[in-house]
Amino acid sequence: MTIAVTFTHHYLQWHLVYVYYLLLAFLYNTKHKDERTYQYDAFISYNANDERWVLGELLPKLEDEQGWRLCLHHRDFLPAVSFTHHFLQWHLVYAYYLLLAFLYNKKHRDDRAYQYDAFISYNANDERWVLGELLPKLEDEQGWRLCLHHRDFQPGEETYPPSPLLACMLA
């Protein structure tokens, strides 16, 4: 018994998981079959060399004789719309919002005259890395104006406008 369980677990583990999920899909499909309506039963993807066989034999057999509703790329998709819609949709949305942020930043750049671009908060154990690697990279190479608590904040100093630390955190 132990050998059978060990063998099953070791060699058939993924097969059992696959069968389990197939069973769940089958049960879900049987339960919710009438709730879903689809425009097509299947999408037919084929090589251009097989087009004559697909159009001459496969389609008549499946659509005419068996009543299937098949989706074919050359018949059921508008040229370029499907690619743009399905594959580039989120890239276009991201680019749109990125453009809006860029235009907003360009328009309101002078309205937000901050003393710093960012406040760097770090653990004392990371101070060597922050001062030795992060700051030179961001301030010297990329031109960022960074606020550090030990360098740009004077304890007990409360002025208006607020202290650099508070100004950093509010920005």
C-alpha atoms as a PDB file:
ATOM      1  CA  MET A   1       0.000   0.000   0.000  1.00  0.00           C
ATOM      2  CA  THR A   2       2.799   2.412   0.915  1.00  0.00           C
ATOM      3  CA  ILE A   3       4.593   1.694  -2.337  1.00  0.00           C
ATOM      4  CA  ALA A   4       1.438   2.305  -4.355  1.00  0.00           C
ATOM      5  CA  VAL A   5       0.763   5.634  -2.605  1.00  0.00           C
ATOM      6  CA  THR A   6       4.398   6.718  -2.973  1.00  0.00           C
ATOM      7  CA  PHE A   7       4.445   5.757  -6.658  1.00  0.00           C
ATOM      8  CA  THR A   8       1.165   7.552  -7.291  1.00  0.00           C
ATOM      9  CA  HIS A   9       2.291  10.675  -5.478  1.00  0.00           C
ATOM     10  CA  HIS A  10       5.735  10.785  -7.097  1.00  0.00           C
ATOM     11  CA  TYR A  11       4.978   9.827 -10.685  1.00  0.00           C
ATOM     12  CA  LEU A  12       1.340  10.770 -11.113  1.00  0.00           C
ATOM     13  CA  GLN A  13       1.026  13.864  -8.929  1.00  0.00           C
ATOM     14  CA  TRP A  14       0.508  16.332 -11.776  1.00  0.00           C
ATOM     15  CA  HIS A  15      -1.766  13.944 -13.621  1.00  0.00           C
ATOM     16  CA  LEU A  16      -3.978  13.703 -10.564  1.00  0.00           C
ATOM     17  CA  VAL A  17      -4.047  17.480 -10.187  1.00  0.00           C
ATOM     18  CA  TYR A  18      -4.907  17.800 -13.883  1.00  0.00           C
ATOM     19  CA  VAL A  19      -7.729  15.250 -13.593  1.00  0.00           C
ATOM     20  CA  TYR A  20      -9.008  17.047 -10.488  1.00  0.00           C
ATOM     21  CA  TYR A  21      -9.207  20.390 -12.309  1.00  0.00           C
ATOM     22  CA  LEU A  22     -10.776  18.746 -15.358  1.00  0.00           C
ATOM     23  CA  LEU A  23     -13.445  17.308 -13.088  1.00  0.00           C
ATOM     24  CA  LEU A  24     -14.035  20.730 -11.509  1.00  0.00           C
ATOM     25  CA  ALA A  25     -14.318  22.331 -14.954  1.00  0.00           C
ATOM     26  CA  PHE A  26     -16.732  19.634 -16.093  1.00  0.00           C
ATOM     27  CA  LEU A  27     -18.909  20.068 -13.000  1.00  0.00           C
ATOM     28  CA  TYR A  28     -18.877  23.851 -13.336  1.00  0.00           C
ATOM     29  CA  ASN A  29     -19.689  23.631 -17.046  1.00  0.00           C
ATOM     30  CA  THR A  30     -22.585  21.255 -16.419  1.00  0.00           C
ATOM     31  CA  LYS A  31     -23.986  23.470 -13.686  1.00  0.00           C
ATOM     32  CA  HIS A  32     -23.659  26.780 -15.590  1.00  0.00           C
ATOM     33  CA  LYS A  33     -24.140  25.575 -19.162  1.00  0.00           C
ATOM     34  CA  ASP A  34     -27.408  27.392 -19.782  1.00  0.00           C
ATOM     35  CA  GLU A  35     -26.175  30.677 -18.254  1.00  0.00           C
ATOM     36  CA  ARG A  36     -23.454  31.354 -20.853  1.00  0.00           C
ATOM     37  CA  THR A  37     -23.963  32.197 -24.474  1.00  0.00           C
ATOM     38  CA  TYR A  38     -21.090  32.351 -26.920  1.00  0.00           C
ATOM     39  CA  GLN A  39     -20.983  33.738 -30.410  1.00  0.00           C
ATOM     40  CA  TYR A  40     -18.828  30.822 -31.621  1.00  0.00           C
ATOM     41  CA  ASP A  41     -18.287  27.213 -30.617  1.00  0.00           C
ATOM     42  CA  ALA A  42     -14.644  27.137 -31.703  1.00  0.00           C
ATOM     43  CA  PHE A  43     -11.884  29.174 -33.304  1.00  0.00           C
ATOM     44  CA  ILE A  44     -10.164  27.436 -36.210  1.00  0.00           C
ATOM     45  CA  SER A  45      -6.469  28.187 -36.526  1.00  0.00           C
ATOM     46  CA  TYR A  46      -4.733  26.695 -39.543  1.00  0.00           C
ATOM     47  CA  ASN A  47      -1.727  26.997 -41.822  1.00  0.00           C
ATOM     48  CA  ALA A  48      -2.240  28.774 -45.163  1.00  0.00           C
ATOM     49  CA  ASN A  49      -1.176  25.562 -46.929  1.00  0.00           C
ATOM     50  CA  ASP A  50      -4.231  23.808 -45.426  1.00  0.00           C
ATOM     51  CA  GLU A  51      -6.730  26.515 -46.367  1.00  0.00           C
ATOM     52  CA  ARG A  52      -8.279  24.557 -49.252  1.00  0.00           C
ATOM     53  CA  TRP A  53      -8.916  21.510 -47.005  1.00  0.00           C
ATOM     54  CA  VAL A  54     -10.292  23.674 -44.149  1.00  0.00           C
ATOM     55  CA  LEU A  55     -12.646  25.643 -46.398  1.00  0.00           C
ATOM     56  CA  GLY A  56     -13.586  22.720 -48.652  1.00  0.00           C
ATOM     57  CA  GLU A  57     -13.957  19.835 -46.210  1.00  0.00           C
ATOM     58  CA  LEU A  58     -13.739  20.848 -42.554  1.00  0.00           C
ATOM     59  CA  LEU A  59     -16.091  23.846 -42.565  1.00  0.00           C
ATOM     60  CA  PRO A  60     -18.926  22.173 -44.506  1.00  0.00           C
ATOM     61  CA  LYS A  61     -18.716  19.100 -42.274  1.00  0.00           C
ATOM     62  CA  LEU A  62     -18.675  21.005 -38.965  1.00  0.00           C
ATOM     63  CA  GLU A  63     -20.889  23.985 -39.808  1.00  0.00           C
ATOM     64  CA  ASP A  64     -23.397  22.548 -42.259  1.00  0.00           C
ATOM     65  CA  GLU A  65     -23.696  18.939 -41.114  1.00  0.00           C
ATOM     66  CA  GLN A  66     -23.094  19.277 -37.368  1.00  0.00           C
ATOM     67  CA  GLY A  67     -24.333  22.822 -36.802  1.00  0.00           C
ATOM     68  CA  TRP A  68     -21.196  24.271 -35.214  1.00  0.00           C
ATOM     69  CA  ARG A  69     -20.551  28.015 -35.258  1.00  0.00           C
ATOM     70  CA  LEU A  70     -16.888  28.395 -36.194  1.00  0.00           C
ATOM     71  CA  CYS A  71     -14.762  31.527 -36.017  1.00  0.00           C
ATOM     72  CA  LEU A  72     -12.228  32.045 -38.811  1.00  0.00           C
ATOM     73  CA  HIS A  73      -9.741  34.884 -38.803  1.00  0.00           C
ATOM     74  CA  HIS A  74     -10.248  35.884 -42.437  1.00  0.00           C
ATOM     75  CA  ARG A  75     -14.038  35.751 -42.232  1.00  0.00           C
ATOM     76  CA  ASP A  76     -14.956  36.912 -38.732  1.00  0.00           C
ATOM     77  CA  PHE A  77     -12.348  39.536 -37.809  1.00  0.00           C
ATOM     78  CA  LEU A  78     -11.902  43.025 -39.194  1.00  0.00           C
ATOM     79  CA  PRO A  79      -8.353  43.526 -40.470  1.00  0.00           C
ATOM     80  CA  ALA A  80      -5.979  44.928 -37.790  1.00  0.00           C
ATOM     81  CA  VAL A  81      -8.801  45.615 -35.331  1.00  0.00           C
ATOM     82  CA  SER A  82      -8.562  42.274 -33.608  1.00  0.00           C
ATOM     83  CA  PHE A  83      -4.798  42.493 -33.125  1.00  0.00           C
ATOM     84  CA  THR A  84      -4.981  46.038 -31.816  1.00  0.00           C
ATOM     85  CA  HIS A  85      -7.936  45.318 -29.591  1.00  0.00           C
ATOM     86  CA  HIS A  86      -6.822  42.012 -28.138  1.00  0.00           C
ATOM     87  CA  PHE A  87      -3.068  42.364 -27.923  1.00  0.00           C
ATOM     88  CA  LEU A  88      -2.364  46.077 -27.629  1.00  0.00           C
ATOM     89  CA  GLN A  89      -5.404  47.230 -25.663  1.00  0.00           C
ATOM     90  CA  TRP A  90      -3.694  47.591 -22.278  1.00  0.00           C
ATOM     91  CA  HIS A  91      -0.534  49.004 -23.820  1.00  0.00           C
ATOM     92  CA  LEU A  92      -2.602  51.727 -25.472  1.00  0.00           C
ATOM     93  CA  VAL A  93      -4.433  52.497 -22.224  1.00  0.00           C
ATOM     94  CA  TYR A  94      -1.114  52.692 -20.365  1.00  0.00           C
ATOM     95  CA  ALA A  95       0.382  54.965 -23.038  1.00  0.00           C
ATOM     96  CA  TYR A  96      -2.716  57.194 -22.876  1.00  0.00           C
ATOM     97  CA  TYR A  97      -2.446  57.673 -19.097  1.00  0.00           C
ATOM     98  CA  LEU A  98       1.308  58.140 -19.336  1.00  0.00           C
ATOM     99  CA  LEU A  99       0.739  60.901 -21.897  1.00  0.00           C
ATOM    100  CA  LEU A 100      -1.892  62.527 -19.649  1.00  0.00           C
ATOM    101  CA  ALA A 101       0.521  62.471 -16.696  1.00  0.00           C
ATOM    102  CA  PHE A 102       3.291  63.952 -18.839  1.00  0.00           C
ATOM    103  CA  LEU A 103       1.052  66.756 -20.116  1.00  0.00           C
ATOM    104  CA  TYR A 104      -0.285  67.475 -16.618  1.00  0.00           C
ATOM    105  CA  ASN A 105       3.245  67.582 -15.217  1.00  0.00           C
ATOM    106  CA  LYS A 106       4.403  69.881 -18.014  1.00  0.00           C
ATOM    107  CA  LYS A 107       1.433  72.230 -17.532  1.00  0.00           C
ATOM    108  CA  HIS A 108       1.668  72.423 -13.714  1.00  0.00           C
ATOM    109  CA  ARG A 109       5.442  72.226 -13.339  1.00  0.00           C
ATOM    110  CA  ASP A 110       5.796  75.824 -12.075  1.00  0.00           C
ATOM    111  CA  ASP A 111       2.765  75.532  -9.774  1.00  0.00           C
ATOM    112  CA  ARG A 112       4.502  72.890  -7.680  1.00  0.00           C
ATOM    113  CA  ALA A 113       7.832  74.430  -6.760  1.00  0.00           C
ATOM    114  CA  TYR A 114       9.074  71.785  -4.339  1.00  0.00           C
ATOM    115  CA  GLN A 115      12.442  71.930  -2.729  1.00  0.00           C
ATOM    116  CA  TYR A 116      12.925  68.155  -3.123  1.00  0.00           C
ATOM    117  CA  ASP A 117      11.867  65.459  -5.570  1.00  0.00           C
ATOM    118  CA  ALA A 118      11.732  62.691  -2.947  1.00  0.00           C
ATOM    119  CA  PHE A 119      12.292  61.915   0.714  1.00  0.00           C
ATOM    120  CA  ILE A 120      14.527  58.917   1.311  1.00  0.00           C
ATOM    121  CA  SER A 121      13.542  56.876   4.341  1.00  0.00           C
ATOM    122  CA  TYR A 122      15.857  54.000   5.201  1.00  0.00           C
ATOM    123  CA  ASN A 123      17.014  51.708   7.977  1.00  0.00           C
ATOM    124  CA  ALA A 124      20.280  52.604   9.723  1.00  0.00           C
ATOM    125  CA  ASN A 125      21.666  49.221   8.636  1.00  0.00           C
ATOM    126  CA  ASP A 126      21.330  50.354   5.007  1.00  0.00           C
ATOM    127  CA  GLU A 127      22.987  53.750   5.487  1.00  0.00           C
ATOM    128  CA  ARG A 128      26.278  52.754   3.822  1.00  0.00           C
ATOM    129  CA  TRP A 129      24.446  51.555   0.689  1.00  0.00           C
ATOM    130  CA  VAL A 130      22.144  54.593   0.593  1.00  0.00           C
ATOM    131  CA  LEU A 131      25.000  57.100   0.957  1.00  0.00           C
ATOM    132  CA  GLY A 132      27.523  55.180  -1.149  1.00  0.00           C
ATOM    133  CA  GLU A 133      25.404  53.895  -4.028  1.00  0.00           C
ATOM    134  CA  LEU A 134      21.851  55.235  -4.085  1.00  0.00           C
ATOM    135  CA  LEU A 135      22.521  58.951  -3.523  1.00  0.00           C
ATOM    136  CA  PRO A 136      25.339  59.281  -6.063  1.00  0.00           C
ATOM    137  CA  LYS A 137      23.236  57.467  -8.653  1.00  0.00           C
ATOM    138  CA  LEU A 138      20.058  59.500  -8.117  1.00  0.00           C
ATOM    139  CA  GLU A 139      21.508  62.919  -7.256  1.00  0.00           C
ATOM    140  CA  ASP A 140      24.682  63.086  -9.333  1.00  0.00           C
ATOM    141  CA  GLU A 141      23.837  60.960 -12.377  1.00  0.00           C
ATOM    142  CA  GLN A 142      20.078  61.544 -12.657  1.00  0.00           C
ATOM    143  CA  GLY A 143      19.781  65.022 -11.125  1.00  0.00           C
ATOM    144  CA  TRP A 144      17.199  64.252  -8.437  1.00  0.00           C
ATOM    145  CA  ARG A 145      16.894  66.517  -5.379  1.00  0.00           C
ATOM    146  CA  LEU A 146      16.624  64.156  -2.426  1.00  0.00           C
ATOM    147  CA  CYS A 147      15.736  64.959   1.169  1.00  0.00           C
ATOM    148  CA  LEU A 148      17.575  62.958   3.838  1.00  0.00           C
ATOM    149  CA  HIS A 149      16.629  63.247   7.486  1.00  0.00           C
ATOM    150  CA  HIS A 150      20.220  63.517   8.764  1.00  0.00           C
ATOM    151  CA  ARG A 151      21.347  66.007   6.115  1.00  0.00           C
ATOM    152  CA  ASP A 152      18.330  68.211   5.342  1.00  0.00           C
ATOM    153  CA  PHE A 153      16.308  68.242   8.564  1.00  0.00           C
ATOM    154  CA  GLN A 154      17.239  70.295  11.630  1.00  0.00           C
ATOM    155  CA  PRO A 155      15.543  69.005  14.814  1.00  0.00           C
ATOM    156  CA  GLY A 156      13.543  71.611  16.732  1.00  0.00           C
ATOM    157  CA  GLU A 157      13.441  73.998  13.797  1.00  0.00           C
ATOM    158  CA  GLU A 158       9.823  74.909  13.078  1.00  0.00           C
ATOM    159  CA  THR A 159       9.408  77.583  10.471  1.00  0.00           C
ATOM    160  CA  TYR A 160       6.850  78.567   7.908  1.00  0.00           C
ATOM    161  CA  PRO A 161       6.931  77.145   5.344  1.00  0.00           C
ATOM    162  CA  PRO A 162       7.396  73.966   7.363  1.00  0.00           C
ATOM    163  CA  SER A 163      10.738  72.313   7.923  1.00  0.00           C
ATOM    164  CA  PRO A 164      12.377  70.507   4.981  1.00  0.00           C
ATOM    165  CA  LEU A 165      11.378  67.107   6.366  1.00  0.00           C
ATOM    166  CA  LEU A 166       7.750  68.066   6.603  1.00  0.00           C
ATOM    167  CA  ALA A 167       7.924  69.767   3.209  1.00  0.00           C
ATOM    168  CA  CYS A 168       9.467  66.574   1.779  1.00  0.00           C
ATOM    169  CA  MET A 169       6.785  64.397   3.284  1.00  0.00           C
ATOM    170  CA  LEU A 170       3.969  66.675   2.131  1.00  0.00           C
ATOM    171  CA  ALA A 171       5.355  66.826  -1.390  1.00  0.00           C
END
